[in-house]
């Protein structure tokens, strides 16, 4: 059996130090940004948005984030399958719409892109907010499982952040050790 990618390796709970004030403010900023983007999708509301560079870019980033959302956020070990599934859903929706309308940019593709963005950015934004509120150590995507574990009285696993939050937390810890 292949060894899991270090990107998806969990650690025992309590082994990662909690974020300091800079890390928590960063999480709050990223959470607000993710939720703001999800709210902006309501403004677009039509398939013509699929020609908007922001929609295309954020949808591509949502596809990129899909494995992190499911593997780290929900504790699955699916590797890159969520990214492949999201890509397949988008391509399938485009093909189905093309079959029915003769257009690659169609309502099926828009609906799929819309809901992919809504799920990924609301999950991410909510996780960032909870991580900021509770000072969740490591990756913000663990905030929901850690909160559920706290409520249930169970130990949950931690995860180092593979994204910018990890670098911010390391930088903030280095400020404390230097001073």
Protein backbone atom coordinates (compact mmCIF):
# COMPACT_ATOMS: atom_id res chain seq x y z
CA UNK A 1 0.00 0.00 0.00
CA UNK A 2 1.32 3.44 -0.91
CA UNK A 3 2.34 5.73 1.91
CA UNK A 4 -0.07 8.69 2.21
CA UNK A 5 1.13 12.04 0.97
CA UNK A 6 2.56 14.24 3.74
CA UNK A 7 -0.06 16.75 2.69
CA UNK A 8 -2.72 14.46 4.16
CA UNK A 9 -0.96 13.11 7.24
CA UNK A 10 -2.65 13.78 10.55
CA UNK A 11 -0.99 14.20 13.94
CA UNK A 12 -2.19 13.44 17.43
CA UNK A 13 -4.41 16.14 18.89
CA UNK A 14 -2.63 18.83 20.88
CA UNK A 15 0.74 18.36 19.13
CA UNK A 16 0.53 21.57 17.09
CA UNK A 17 0.67 24.87 19.00
CA UNK A 18 -2.41 27.07 18.69
CA UNK A 19 -2.18 30.23 16.61
CA UNK A 20 -1.34 33.56 18.14
CA UNK A 21 -3.22 36.81 17.52
CA UNK A 22 -1.69 37.32 14.05
CA UNK A 23 -2.64 33.79 13.00
CA UNK A 24 -6.17 34.25 14.32
CA UNK A 25 -6.58 37.60 12.54
CA UNK A 26 -5.24 36.01 9.34
CA UNK A 27 -7.80 33.24 9.65
CA UNK A 28 -10.53 35.83 10.17
CA UNK A 29 -9.41 37.74 7.05
CA UNK A 30 -9.24 34.61 4.88
CA UNK A 31 -12.62 33.45 6.22
CA UNK A 32 -14.26 36.77 5.40
CA UNK A 33 -12.69 36.69 1.92
CA UNK A 34 -13.95 33.17 1.18
CA UNK A 35 -17.47 33.94 2.37
CA UNK A 36 -17.43 37.24 0.47
CA UNK A 37 -16.64 35.34 -2.74
CA UNK A 38 -19.49 32.88 -2.12
CA UNK A 39 -21.83 35.85 -1.60
CA UNK A 40 -20.61 37.45 -4.84
CA UNK A 41 -21.84 34.42 -6.77
CA UNK A 42 -25.40 35.48 -5.99
CA UNK A 43 -24.65 38.71 -7.82
CA UNK A 44 -23.62 36.90 -10.99
CA UNK A 45 -26.51 34.46 -10.95
CA UNK A 46 -26.45 33.64 -14.67
CA UNK A 47 -24.46 31.37 -16.90
CA UNK A 48 -22.92 34.40 -18.65
CA UNK A 49 -20.75 34.62 -15.52
CA UNK A 50 -18.81 31.65 -16.90
CA UNK A 51 -17.01 34.09 -19.19
CA UNK A 52 -15.96 36.28 -16.23
CA UNK A 53 -12.26 35.89 -15.40
CA UNK A 54 -12.96 36.00 -11.65
CA UNK A 55 -15.51 33.20 -11.87
CA UNK A 56 -13.18 31.10 -14.00
CA UNK A 57 -10.24 31.69 -11.67
CA UNK A 58 -12.13 31.03 -8.45
CA UNK A 59 -13.75 27.94 -9.94
CA UNK A 60 -10.34 26.60 -10.95
CA UNK A 61 -9.10 27.33 -7.42
CA UNK A 62 -12.17 25.54 -5.97
CA UNK A 63 -11.25 22.49 -8.06
CA UNK A 64 -7.70 22.77 -6.68
CA UNK A 65 -8.98 23.06 -3.09
CA UNK A 66 -11.44 20.13 -3.31
CA UNK A 67 -8.96 17.50 -2.01
CA UNK A 68 -7.97 19.69 0.94
CA UNK A 69 -11.59 20.38 1.81
CA UNK A 70 -12.54 16.72 1.88
CA UNK A 71 -9.31 15.03 2.97
CA UNK A 72 -8.20 17.44 5.67
CA UNK A 73 -11.55 19.02 6.50
CA UNK A 74 -13.52 15.81 6.79
CA UNK A 75 -10.69 13.40 7.52
CA UNK A 76 -11.02 11.32 4.37
CA UNK A 77 -8.09 9.67 2.60
CA UNK A 78 -9.17 10.17 -0.98
CA UNK A 79 -5.94 11.64 -2.34
CA UNK A 80 -6.56 13.67 -5.48
CA UNK A 81 -9.88 11.97 -6.30
CA UNK A 82 -11.97 14.98 -5.14
CA UNK A 83 -10.11 17.17 -7.68
CA UNK A 84 -10.67 14.61 -10.43
CA UNK A 85 -14.34 14.29 -9.43
CA UNK A 86 -14.86 18.08 -9.47
CA UNK A 87 -13.17 18.31 -12.88
CA UNK A 88 -15.28 15.42 -14.17
CA UNK A 89 -18.48 17.01 -12.89
CA UNK A 90 -17.66 20.30 -14.62
CA UNK A 91 -16.75 18.57 -17.89
CA UNK A 92 -19.80 16.32 -17.67
CA UNK A 93 -22.10 19.29 -17.04
CA UNK A 94 -20.58 21.12 -20.02
CA UNK A 95 -21.07 18.06 -22.23
CA UNK A 96 -24.66 17.50 -21.10
CA UNK A 97 -25.46 21.15 -21.73
CA UNK A 98 -23.77 21.00 -25.13
CA UNK A 99 -25.89 17.98 -26.04
CA UNK A 100 -29.09 19.80 -25.13
CA UNK A 101 -28.28 23.34 -26.29
CA UNK A 102 -25.29 23.10 -28.62
CA UNK A 103 -23.38 25.51 -26.35
CA UNK A 104 -20.44 24.65 -24.11
CA UNK A 105 -21.28 27.55 -21.80
CA UNK A 106 -24.68 26.48 -20.56
CA UNK A 107 -26.94 26.37 -17.53
CA UNK A 108 -25.75 22.88 -16.54
CA UNK A 109 -22.14 24.04 -16.40
CA UNK A 110 -23.11 27.21 -14.54
CA UNK A 111 -25.11 25.26 -11.94
CA UNK A 112 -22.24 22.85 -11.37
CA UNK A 113 -19.63 25.63 -11.13
CA UNK A 114 -21.93 27.65 -8.87
CA UNK A 115 -22.52 24.83 -6.38
CA UNK A 116 -18.87 23.77 -6.42
CA UNK A 117 -17.87 27.34 -5.51
CA UNK A 118 -20.59 27.65 -2.88
CA UNK A 119 -19.60 24.41 -1.16
CA UNK A 120 -15.83 24.92 -1.23
CA UNK A 121 -15.80 28.61 -0.24
CA UNK A 122 -18.50 28.37 2.45
CA UNK A 123 -16.80 25.29 3.95
CA UNK A 124 -13.44 27.05 3.78
CA UNK A 125 -14.81 30.37 5.07
CA UNK A 126 -16.71 28.73 7.92
CA UNK A 127 -13.62 26.73 8.86
CA UNK A 128 -11.48 29.87 8.88
CA UNK A 129 -14.00 31.68 11.11
CA UNK A 130 -14.20 28.78 13.56
CA UNK A 131 -10.40 28.46 13.56
CA UNK A 132 -10.08 32.18 14.34
CA UNK A 133 -12.74 32.03 17.06
CA UNK A 134 -11.43 28.92 18.83
CA UNK A 135 -7.72 29.25 18.02
CA UNK A 136 -7.66 25.93 16.19
CA UNK A 137 -4.07 24.73 15.85
CA UNK A 138 -2.68 23.93 12.41
CA UNK A 139 -4.91 23.81 9.38
CA UNK A 140 -8.18 25.72 9.50
CA UNK A 141 -9.87 22.81 7.72
CA UNK A 142 -9.68 20.87 11.01
CA UNK A 143 -11.77 23.49 12.86
CA UNK A 144 -15.14 21.78 12.26
CA UNK A 145 -13.97 18.26 13.28
CA UNK A 146 -12.12 19.69 16.30
CA UNK A 147 -15.24 21.61 17.39
CA UNK A 148 -17.37 18.48 17.01
CA UNK A 149 -14.76 16.53 18.99
CA UNK A 150 -14.79 19.11 21.78
CA UNK A 151 -18.59 18.99 21.99
CA UNK A 152 -18.56 15.16 22.00
CA UNK A 153 -15.65 15.03 24.46
CA UNK A 154 -13.39 13.16 22.02
CA UNK A 155 -9.79 13.75 21.04
CA UNK A 156 -9.41 14.75 17.39
CA UNK A 157 -6.43 14.77 15.10
CA UNK A 158 -4.46 17.88 14.17
CA UNK A 159 -2.99 18.67 10.78
CA UNK A 160 -0.21 21.03 9.76
CA UNK A 161 -1.49 23.63 7.31
CA UNK A 162 -0.22 23.07 3.76
CA UNK A 163 -1.28 26.59 2.76
CA UNK A 164 -0.35 30.14 3.76
CA UNK A 165 -1.72 29.81 7.30
CA UNK A 166 1.09 27.41 8.21
CA UNK A 167 3.71 29.93 7.08
CA UNK A 168 1.98 32.73 9.00
CA UNK A 169 1.88 30.61 12.18
CA UNK A 170 5.58 29.67 11.84
CA UNK A 171 6.51 33.32 11.29
CA UNK A 172 4.48 34.39 14.32
CA UNK A 173 6.10 31.69 16.51
CA UNK A 174 9.55 32.85 15.30
CA UNK A 175 8.72 36.39 16.47
CA UNK A 176 8.09 35.08 19.98
CA UNK A 177 11.27 32.99 20.03
CA UNK A 178 13.40 35.90 18.76
CA UNK A 179 12.08 38.30 21.35
